[in-house]
Amino acid sequence: MDTLQDFLLDKGYTKVKLKLTKTNHFEIKATINGIKGRFILDTGASSSCVGFEAIETFKLIAKDSKIKAAGAGDSNMLTQMSKKNTVTIGKWQKEKVALILFNLTHVNTALTAHNAQPVDGIIGADILKKSKAIIDYERKYLYLKL
C-alpha cells in the first residue's frame, strides 16, 4: 500500500516541511516577491497576511483598505491591501496574490513571550485553498498541488 506521501506526489503535489513552534503553531518558510520569510500556517485565517513592518522588505505596494481585521487577542484592526504579489512555498508558486497588511505586534509578542521566533506573516485559507493543500499533522508536512 502506498503511503500518503507517495499517493500525493503521484497526484502532482509537492511537499514542504513544517516546523512545530513552542506555541504549538506550524511555521513555514515562504517567499513573497522573491524575498524569503517566516510565516505561521493558519487554517483559521481567511486571508494570508503580512505585518506592516514588512511592507518594504517584501516589496509590497500597499493600498488603504476598508476591511477590518480580527483575530485571536485583537479585533477591529486597520488594514491595507497589497495585490499582484508572487508567493512561493517550496516548488509551488502563484502570481497575482492579494495579501492583507496589518499590525502583527500582538502575534509576535505572544510568540516571543513563549520563546518562539517572530514571524513576517500568516499563510491563511486563501492560499491553502488555491493550492489544494493537505496537511500531514503527524509527519509535519504540507502538500501543495502543482
N, C-alpha and C. Protein backbone atom coordinates (compact mmCIF):
# COMPACT_ATOMS: atom_id res chain seq x y z
N MET A 1 0.84 -1.19 0.00
CA MET A 1 0.00 0.00 0.00
C MET A 1 0.88 1.25 0.00
N ASP A 2 0.51 2.21 -0.84
CA ASP A 2 1.25 3.47 -0.90
C ASP A 2 1.05 4.28 0.37
N THR A 3 2.06 5.05 0.70
CA THR A 3 1.93 5.99 1.80
C THR A 3 1.18 7.22 1.30
N LEU A 4 0.73 8.06 2.22
CA LEU A 4 0.09 9.31 1.84
C LEU A 4 1.05 10.13 0.97
N GLN A 5 2.31 10.17 1.35
CA GLN A 5 3.30 10.92 0.59
C GLN A 5 3.39 10.40 -0.85
N ASP A 6 3.53 9.10 -1.02
CA ASP A 6 3.63 8.52 -2.36
C ASP A 6 2.39 8.83 -3.19
N PHE A 7 1.23 8.68 -2.57
CA PHE A 7 -0.03 8.93 -3.26
C PHE A 7 -0.11 10.38 -3.74
N LEU A 8 0.19 11.33 -2.85
CA LEU A 8 0.09 12.75 -3.20
C LEU A 8 1.15 13.17 -4.20
N LEU A 9 2.35 12.70 -4.07
CA LEU A 9 3.40 13.04 -5.03
C LEU A 9 3.04 12.50 -6.42
N ASP A 10 2.45 11.30 -6.47
CA ASP A 10 1.98 10.74 -7.75
C ASP A 10 0.85 11.57 -8.35
N LYS A 11 0.08 12.27 -7.52
CA LYS A 11 -1.03 13.09 -7.98
C LYS A 11 -0.61 14.53 -8.31
N GLY A 12 0.69 14.80 -8.29
CA GLY A 12 1.18 16.11 -8.69
C GLY A 12 1.31 17.12 -7.57
N TYR A 13 1.43 16.66 -6.34
CA TYR A 13 1.65 17.55 -5.20
C TYR A 13 3.14 17.66 -4.93
N THR A 14 3.52 18.71 -4.27
CA THR A 14 4.87 18.88 -3.75
C THR A 14 4.76 18.95 -2.23
N LYS A 15 5.80 18.57 -1.54
CA LYS A 15 5.73 18.61 -0.07
C LYS A 15 6.70 19.64 0.48
N VAL A 16 6.26 20.24 1.59
CA VAL A 16 7.03 21.27 2.27
C VAL A 16 7.06 20.91 3.76
N LYS A 17 8.24 20.95 4.34
CA LYS A 17 8.39 20.62 5.76
C LYS A 17 7.80 21.73 6.63
N LEU A 18 7.08 21.34 7.66
CA LEU A 18 6.53 22.27 8.64
C LEU A 18 7.33 22.15 9.92
N LYS A 19 7.47 23.26 10.62
CA LYS A 19 8.15 23.26 11.92
C LYS A 19 7.12 23.58 12.98
N LEU A 20 7.04 22.74 13.99
CA LEU A 20 6.13 22.98 15.11
C LEU A 20 6.84 23.88 16.11
N THR A 21 6.24 25.05 16.38
CA THR A 21 6.86 26.01 17.28
C THR A 21 6.54 25.67 18.73
N LYS A 22 7.16 26.40 19.63
CA LYS A 22 6.90 26.21 21.06
C LYS A 22 5.49 26.61 21.45
N THR A 23 4.82 27.37 20.58
CA THR A 23 3.43 27.77 20.85
C THR A 23 2.44 26.81 20.18
N ASN A 24 2.94 25.71 19.64
CA ASN A 24 2.13 24.68 19.01
C ASN A 24 1.51 25.16 17.68
N HIS A 25 2.16 26.11 17.03
CA HIS A 25 1.77 26.55 15.69
C HIS A 25 2.72 25.91 14.69
N PHE A 26 2.22 25.68 13.49
CA PHE A 26 3.12 25.27 12.42
C PHE A 26 3.71 26.50 11.77
N GLU A 27 5.00 26.49 11.61
CA GLU A 27 5.72 27.58 10.94
C GLU A 27 6.18 27.07 9.59
N ILE A 28 6.15 27.96 8.61
CA ILE A 28 6.54 27.58 7.26
C ILE A 28 7.39 28.70 6.66
N LYS A 29 8.31 28.32 5.82
CA LYS A 29 9.10 29.31 5.10
C LYS A 29 8.43 29.53 3.74
N ALA A 30 8.29 30.77 3.36
CA ALA A 30 7.69 31.13 2.08
C ALA A 30 8.44 32.32 1.52
N THR A 31 8.27 32.54 0.23
CA THR A 31 8.89 33.66 -0.44
C THR A 31 7.81 34.54 -1.03
N ILE A 32 7.89 35.83 -0.77
CA ILE A 32 6.97 36.80 -1.36
C ILE A 32 7.79 37.76 -2.20
N ASN A 33 7.44 37.83 -3.46
CA ASN A 33 8.15 38.72 -4.40
C ASN A 33 9.66 38.51 -4.36
N GLY A 34 10.05 37.24 -4.23
CA GLY A 34 11.47 36.88 -4.25
C GLY A 34 12.20 37.01 -2.93
N ILE A 35 11.51 37.42 -1.87
CA ILE A 35 12.13 37.61 -0.56
C ILE A 35 11.63 36.54 0.41
N LYS A 36 12.57 35.84 1.05
CA LYS A 36 12.21 34.76 1.98
C LYS A 36 11.71 35.32 3.30
N GLY A 37 10.74 34.59 3.89
CA GLY A 37 10.22 34.98 5.18
C GLY A 37 9.71 33.79 5.97
N ARG A 38 9.36 34.06 7.22
CA ARG A 38 8.85 33.05 8.15
C ARG A 38 7.38 33.37 8.42
N PHE A 39 6.52 32.33 8.31
CA PHE A 39 5.08 32.52 8.42
C PHE A 39 4.46 31.44 9.28
N ILE A 40 3.36 31.80 9.93
CA ILE A 40 2.55 30.82 10.64
C ILE A 40 1.55 30.27 9.63
N LEU A 41 1.36 28.98 9.64
CA LEU A 41 0.33 28.34 8.83
C LEU A 41 -0.95 28.34 9.67
N ASP A 42 -1.98 29.03 9.19
CA ASP A 42 -3.19 29.21 9.99
C ASP A 42 -4.43 28.89 9.17
N THR A 43 -4.97 27.70 9.34
CA THR A 43 -6.16 27.28 8.60
C THR A 43 -7.38 28.10 8.99
N GLY A 44 -7.34 28.75 10.13
CA GLY A 44 -8.47 29.56 10.59
C GLY A 44 -8.43 31.00 10.12
N ALA A 45 -7.33 31.41 9.51
CA ALA A 45 -7.22 32.77 8.97
C ALA A 45 -7.79 32.76 7.56
N SER A 46 -8.79 33.57 7.31
CA SER A 46 -9.41 33.56 5.99
C SER A 46 -8.48 34.08 4.91
N SER A 47 -7.60 35.02 5.25
CA SER A 47 -6.69 35.63 4.28
C SER A 47 -5.24 35.53 4.76
N SER A 48 -4.35 35.46 3.81
CA SER A 48 -2.93 35.49 4.14
C SER A 48 -2.54 36.94 4.43
N CYS A 49 -1.66 37.11 5.40
CA CYS A 49 -1.35 38.45 5.91
C CYS A 49 0.15 38.64 6.05
N VAL A 50 0.54 39.90 5.99
CA VAL A 50 1.91 40.30 6.25
C VAL A 50 1.85 41.50 7.18
N GLY A 51 2.81 41.61 8.08
CA GLY A 51 2.85 42.74 9.01
C GLY A 51 3.24 44.03 8.32
N PHE A 52 2.72 45.14 8.82
CA PHE A 52 3.06 46.45 8.28
C PHE A 52 4.57 46.66 8.18
N GLU A 53 5.29 46.17 9.19
CA GLU A 53 6.73 46.40 9.23
C GLU A 53 7.49 45.69 8.10
N ALA A 54 6.82 44.76 7.40
CA ALA A 54 7.48 44.01 6.33
C ALA A 54 7.10 44.51 4.93
N ILE A 55 6.39 45.62 4.85
CA ILE A 55 5.96 46.15 3.54
C ILE A 55 7.16 46.38 2.63
N GLU A 56 8.16 47.08 3.12
CA GLU A 56 9.35 47.36 2.30
C GLU A 56 10.16 46.09 2.05
N THR A 57 10.28 45.25 3.06
CA THR A 57 11.06 44.01 2.94
C THR A 57 10.58 43.18 1.76
N PHE A 58 9.25 42.99 1.66
CA PHE A 58 8.68 42.13 0.61
C PHE A 58 8.29 42.90 -0.65
N LYS A 59 8.69 44.17 -0.72
CA LYS A 59 8.41 45.00 -1.91
C LYS A 59 6.91 45.03 -2.22
N LEU A 60 6.11 45.29 -1.20
CA LEU A 60 4.65 45.33 -1.36
C LEU A 60 4.18 46.73 -1.71
N ILE A 61 3.19 46.80 -2.56
CA ILE A 61 2.54 48.07 -2.87
C ILE A 61 1.26 48.11 -2.05
N ALA A 62 1.26 48.94 -1.01
CA ALA A 62 0.15 48.97 -0.05
C ALA A 62 -0.89 50.01 -0.44
N LYS A 63 -2.13 49.60 -0.38
CA LYS A 63 -3.27 50.50 -0.62
C LYS A 63 -4.17 50.42 0.60
N ASP A 64 -4.77 51.54 0.98
CA ASP A 64 -5.68 51.54 2.11
C ASP A 64 -6.86 50.61 1.83
N SER A 65 -7.37 50.02 2.89
CA SER A 65 -8.47 49.06 2.78
C SER A 65 -9.54 49.39 3.80
N LYS A 66 -10.78 49.13 3.46
CA LYS A 66 -11.89 49.32 4.40
C LYS A 66 -12.10 48.09 5.27
N ILE A 67 -11.41 47.01 4.94
CA ILE A 67 -11.54 45.76 5.69
C ILE A 67 -10.91 45.93 7.06
N LYS A 68 -11.60 45.48 8.08
CA LYS A 68 -11.05 45.46 9.44
C LYS A 68 -10.66 44.03 9.76
N ALA A 69 -9.47 43.85 10.30
CA ALA A 69 -9.00 42.52 10.65
C ALA A 69 -9.40 42.19 12.08
N ALA A 70 -9.64 40.91 12.30
CA ALA A 70 -9.92 40.41 13.64
C ALA A 70 -9.21 39.08 13.80
N GLY A 71 -8.70 38.86 14.98
CA GLY A 71 -8.01 37.60 15.24
C GLY A 71 -7.94 37.36 16.72
N ALA A 72 -7.31 36.26 17.07
CA ALA A 72 -7.18 35.92 18.48
C ALA A 72 -6.45 37.03 19.21
N GLY A 73 -7.08 37.60 20.19
CA GLY A 73 -6.43 38.60 21.02
C GLY A 73 -6.63 40.03 20.58
N ASP A 74 -7.20 40.24 19.40
CA ASP A 74 -7.39 41.60 18.93
C ASP A 74 -8.50 41.62 17.89
N SER A 75 -9.15 42.76 17.74
CA SER A 75 -10.20 42.87 16.73
C SER A 75 -10.28 44.30 16.23
N ASN A 76 -10.99 44.48 15.12
CA ASN A 76 -11.23 45.81 14.55
C ASN A 76 -9.92 46.53 14.21
N MET A 77 -8.95 45.78 13.69
CA MET A 77 -7.65 46.35 13.36
C MET A 77 -7.66 46.94 11.96
N LEU A 78 -7.02 48.09 11.80
CA LEU A 78 -6.90 48.71 10.49
C LEU A 78 -6.02 47.85 9.59
N THR A 79 -6.37 47.82 8.29
CA THR A 79 -5.60 47.01 7.35
C THR A 79 -5.29 47.81 6.10
N GLN A 80 -4.36 47.28 5.35
CA GLN A 80 -4.10 47.73 3.99
C GLN A 80 -4.11 46.47 3.13
N MET A 81 -4.12 46.66 1.82
CA MET A 81 -4.14 45.54 0.89
C MET A 81 -2.99 45.70 -0.09
N SER A 82 -2.40 44.58 -0.45
CA SER A 82 -1.37 44.58 -1.49
C SER A 82 -1.74 43.49 -2.49
N LYS A 83 -1.93 43.89 -3.74
CA LYS A 83 -2.32 42.95 -4.79
C LYS A 83 -1.13 42.65 -5.69
N LYS A 84 -1.30 41.66 -6.52
CA LYS A 84 -0.31 41.31 -7.55
C LYS A 84 1.05 40.92 -6.97
N ASN A 85 1.03 40.08 -5.95
CA ASN A 85 2.26 39.56 -5.36
C ASN A 85 2.48 38.13 -5.81
N THR A 86 3.74 37.75 -5.89
CA THR A 86 4.10 36.37 -6.21
C THR A 86 4.47 35.67 -4.91
N VAL A 87 3.77 34.57 -4.62
CA VAL A 87 4.02 33.79 -3.41
C VAL A 87 4.56 32.42 -3.83
N THR A 88 5.67 32.04 -3.22
CA THR A 88 6.29 30.75 -3.48
C THR A 88 6.44 30.00 -2.17
N ILE A 89 5.96 28.77 -2.15
CA ILE A 89 6.12 27.89 -0.99
C ILE A 89 6.68 26.58 -1.54
N GLY A 90 7.94 26.29 -1.22
CA GLY A 90 8.58 25.12 -1.82
C GLY A 90 8.61 25.29 -3.33
N LYS A 91 8.11 24.30 -4.07
CA LYS A 91 8.06 24.38 -5.53
C LYS A 91 6.76 25.00 -6.04
N TRP A 92 5.81 25.21 -5.14
CA TRP A 92 4.51 25.80 -5.53
C TRP A 92 4.65 27.30 -5.66
N GLN A 93 4.06 27.86 -6.70
CA GLN A 93 4.12 29.32 -6.88
C GLN A 93 2.81 29.82 -7.47
N LYS A 94 2.39 30.98 -7.00
CA LYS A 94 1.18 31.63 -7.51
C LYS A 94 1.47 33.11 -7.68
N GLU A 95 1.02 33.66 -8.81
CA GLU A 95 1.17 35.09 -9.07
C GLU A 95 -0.16 35.78 -8.83
N LYS A 96 -0.10 37.09 -8.74
CA LYS A 96 -1.28 37.93 -8.54
C LYS A 96 -2.03 37.58 -7.25
N VAL A 97 -1.29 37.34 -6.19
CA VAL A 97 -1.87 37.02 -4.89
C VAL A 97 -2.08 38.31 -4.11
N ALA A 98 -3.29 38.47 -3.58
CA ALA A 98 -3.61 39.61 -2.71
C ALA A 98 -3.26 39.25 -1.27
N LEU A 99 -2.63 40.18 -0.59
CA LEU A 99 -2.26 39.98 0.81
C LEU A 99 -2.84 41.11 1.65
N ILE A 100 -3.29 40.76 2.85
CA ILE A 100 -3.77 41.74 3.81
C ILE A 100 -2.58 42.18 4.65
N LEU A 101 -2.44 43.47 4.86
CA LEU A 101 -1.37 44.03 5.68
C LEU A 101 -1.97 44.58 6.96
N PHE A 102 -1.43 44.19 8.09
CA PHE A 102 -1.92 44.72 9.36
C PHE A 102 -0.84 44.60 10.42
N ASN A 103 -1.11 45.16 11.57
CA ASN A 103 -0.16 45.19 12.66
C ASN A 103 -0.08 43.80 13.31
N LEU A 104 1.08 43.16 13.16
CA LEU A 104 1.29 41.82 13.72
C LEU A 104 1.92 41.83 15.10
N THR A 105 2.00 42.99 15.72
CA THR A 105 2.68 43.10 17.01
C THR A 105 2.10 42.14 18.04
N HIS A 106 0.76 42.05 18.13
CA HIS A 106 0.15 41.17 19.14
C HIS A 106 0.50 39.70 18.88
N VAL A 107 0.63 39.31 17.61
CA VAL A 107 1.00 37.93 17.27
C VAL A 107 2.44 37.68 17.69
N ASN A 108 3.35 38.57 17.31
CA ASN A 108 4.76 38.37 17.61
C ASN A 108 5.07 38.54 19.09
N THR A 109 4.33 39.38 19.79
CA THR A 109 4.50 39.50 21.24
C THR A 109 4.16 38.17 21.92
N ALA A 110 3.07 37.56 21.48
CA ALA A 110 2.67 36.26 22.04
C ALA A 110 3.70 35.18 21.72
N LEU A 111 4.22 35.19 20.51
CA LEU A 111 5.23 34.19 20.13
C LEU A 111 6.50 34.34 20.94
N THR A 112 7.02 35.57 21.02
CA THR A 112 8.29 35.78 21.73
C THR A 112 8.14 35.58 23.23
N ALA A 113 6.95 35.80 23.77
CA ALA A 113 6.71 35.55 25.19
C ALA A 113 6.85 34.06 25.52
N HIS A 114 6.67 33.22 24.51
CA HIS A 114 6.81 31.77 24.68
C HIS A 114 8.10 31.25 24.06
N ASN A 115 9.08 32.14 23.91
CA ASN A 115 10.40 31.79 23.37
C ASN A 115 10.34 31.24 21.95
N ALA A 116 9.37 31.69 21.17
CA ALA A 116 9.29 31.33 19.76
C ALA A 116 9.76 32.52 18.93
N GLN A 117 10.17 32.27 17.72
CA GLN A 117 10.66 33.33 16.84
C GLN A 117 9.48 34.16 16.30
N PRO A 118 9.65 35.47 16.13
CA PRO A 118 8.61 36.27 15.49
C PRO A 118 8.45 35.87 14.02
N VAL A 119 7.31 36.19 13.44
CA VAL A 119 7.03 35.83 12.06
C VAL A 119 6.78 37.09 11.22
N ASP A 120 6.88 36.93 9.93
CA ASP A 120 6.62 38.02 8.99
C ASP A 120 5.15 38.10 8.62
N GLY A 121 4.44 36.99 8.82
CA GLY A 121 3.04 36.98 8.44
C GLY A 121 2.38 35.64 8.67
N ILE A 122 1.23 35.49 8.01
CA ILE A 122 0.40 34.31 8.19
C ILE A 122 0.00 33.79 6.81
N ILE A 123 0.16 32.50 6.61
CA ILE A 123 -0.37 31.86 5.40
C ILE A 123 -1.75 31.32 5.79
N GLY A 124 -2.77 31.87 5.15
CA GLY A 124 -4.15 31.56 5.52
C GLY A 124 -4.87 30.68 4.53
N ALA A 125 -6.18 30.55 4.76
CA ALA A 125 -7.02 29.64 3.98
C ALA A 125 -7.08 30.01 2.50
N ASP A 126 -6.91 31.27 2.17
CA ASP A 126 -6.96 31.65 0.74
C ASP A 126 -5.90 30.92 -0.06
N ILE A 127 -4.67 30.93 0.42
CA ILE A 127 -3.58 30.24 -0.27
C ILE A 127 -3.73 28.73 -0.12
N LEU A 128 -4.17 28.27 1.04
CA LEU A 128 -4.34 26.83 1.24
C LEU A 128 -5.39 26.27 0.29
N LYS A 129 -6.45 27.03 0.05
CA LYS A 129 -7.48 26.59 -0.89
C LYS A 129 -6.97 26.62 -2.33
N LYS A 130 -6.28 27.69 -2.71
CA LYS A 130 -5.75 27.81 -4.08
C LYS A 130 -4.79 26.67 -4.40
N SER A 131 -4.05 26.24 -3.41
CA SER A 131 -3.03 25.21 -3.61
C SER A 131 -3.55 23.80 -3.34
N LYS A 132 -4.85 23.70 -3.02
CA LYS A 132 -5.46 22.40 -2.68
C LYS A 132 -4.63 21.70 -1.60
N ALA A 133 -4.27 22.44 -0.58
CA ALA A 133 -3.34 21.99 0.46
C ALA A 133 -3.88 20.82 1.28
N ILE A 134 -2.97 19.97 1.65
CA ILE A 134 -3.24 18.86 2.56
C ILE A 134 -2.15 18.89 3.62
N ILE A 135 -2.56 18.86 4.88
CA ILE A 135 -1.61 18.91 5.98
C ILE A 135 -1.49 17.52 6.60
N ASP A 136 -0.27 17.02 6.68
CA ASP A 136 0.02 15.77 7.38
C ASP A 136 0.54 16.18 8.76
N TYR A 137 -0.37 16.22 9.73
CA TYR A 137 -0.01 16.69 11.06
C TYR A 137 1.00 15.77 11.74
N GLU A 138 0.85 14.48 11.55
CA GLU A 138 1.74 13.53 12.22
C GLU A 138 3.19 13.67 11.75
N ARG A 139 3.38 13.76 10.43
CA ARG A 139 4.74 13.83 9.88
C ARG A 139 5.22 15.27 9.67
N LYS A 140 4.34 16.23 9.91
CA LYS A 140 4.68 17.65 9.80
C LYS A 140 5.09 18.06 8.38
N TYR A 141 4.20 17.74 7.44
CA TYR A 141 4.40 18.16 6.05
C TYR A 141 3.14 18.83 5.53
N LEU A 142 3.35 19.80 4.67
CA LEU A 142 2.28 20.45 3.92
C LEU A 142 2.44 20.03 2.47
N TYR A 143 1.36 19.54 1.88
CA TYR A 143 1.36 19.15 0.47
C TYR A 143 0.57 20.18 -0.33
N LEU A 144 1.15 20.66 -1.42
CA LEU A 144 0.52 21.66 -2.27
C LEU A 144 0.48 21.13 -3.70
N LYS A 145 -0.67 21.32 -4.35
CA LYS A 145 -0.86 20.84 -5.73
C LYS A 145 -0.14 21.77 -6.69
N LEU A 146 0.74 21.20 -7.50
CA LEU A 146 1.48 22.00 -8.50
C LEU A 146 0.60 22.29 -9.70
